[in-house]
Amino acid sequence: MDIKAFQEKLSALVRLAESQDLSLTQTQIGSCFVSDDLEQEQMLRILTYLKGKGIRIEADAPADEIADKAIDLSIGTLQDLTAEEQEWLTDLLEELQKSVPEEKRVEESFSALLSGSEDALLALTQHYLPTAARLAAENNCAEIPLQDLFQEASLALYTALSELPSQKAGTDDCDAWILGRIRQGLLTAIEEQTLQKQHDDILVGKVEKLDHAVRELSEDEEDQTLPFTLQELAVILDMDPEEIRSTLRLTEGV
């Protein structure tokens, strides 16, 4: 991709976010780069850059409806379940299935839910929890343990039921809307964990880089005293002086 064009697109996204109370939707970001055939790592850097500017990234459609036309913004390293995870999932589904209400009660619960019925909320939660567990397993990835993914799916389910639009309750697309919210909750959790891991990896890299440089630059000194000022070291390592101070504080006592 042409660097200038890429920078212009990023700037345009930032301006758009500023006009939308520092928020962007997945579709807006994906549509901006749809013709650029970006790889996952490149998209990860874009998301990191935007979040670094305090920009929230929100879904404007259920995850299963987002953008065949746009780039897939989901991040994470999908992997098959281990034997231990599969056993855990099987036991969980077996336990959850014991509390699933009859279909008739599910239909009645949608109407009662809009009236604030806690019993209806419980019944619908029990109805969808096995599905939430399966969706967590489908999104199993290296970044988050399966048990934690299930917790995220459960939280997304509870939020979806609590915020169910009255016009959707009991309609044919109600089920799709709830499942979309669960999927979106899973993708958001994976994205946040992946971005955090990248941030941690960058920080570790800085610590290792600084440690290596200090050892290398001072190895000829008999008293092992660093023969450079902080400003000189910043130039040598291409790091901001405050960044070096922060990194050194992290290494104290190590």
Foldseek 3Di string as FASTA:
>chain_A
DDPVLVVVLLVVVQVVCVVVVQEEEPQSVFLSCLPPPDDLVVLLVSVLVSVVVVHHYHHPAQLVPPDPSGDNNFDFADDADDPVRVVVLVVVLVVLVVLADDPVLLLVLLVVLVVVDPVSLVNVLSNCLNVLLVLLNRRDGPQDHSVVLSVQLSVQLSVCSNPPDPVLRNDPCSVVRSVSSSNVSSRVVRSVSVSVVVVVVVLVVVLVLVVVVLCVQQVPPPVSDRPDDLVVVCVVSVHDSVSVVVSVVVVPPD
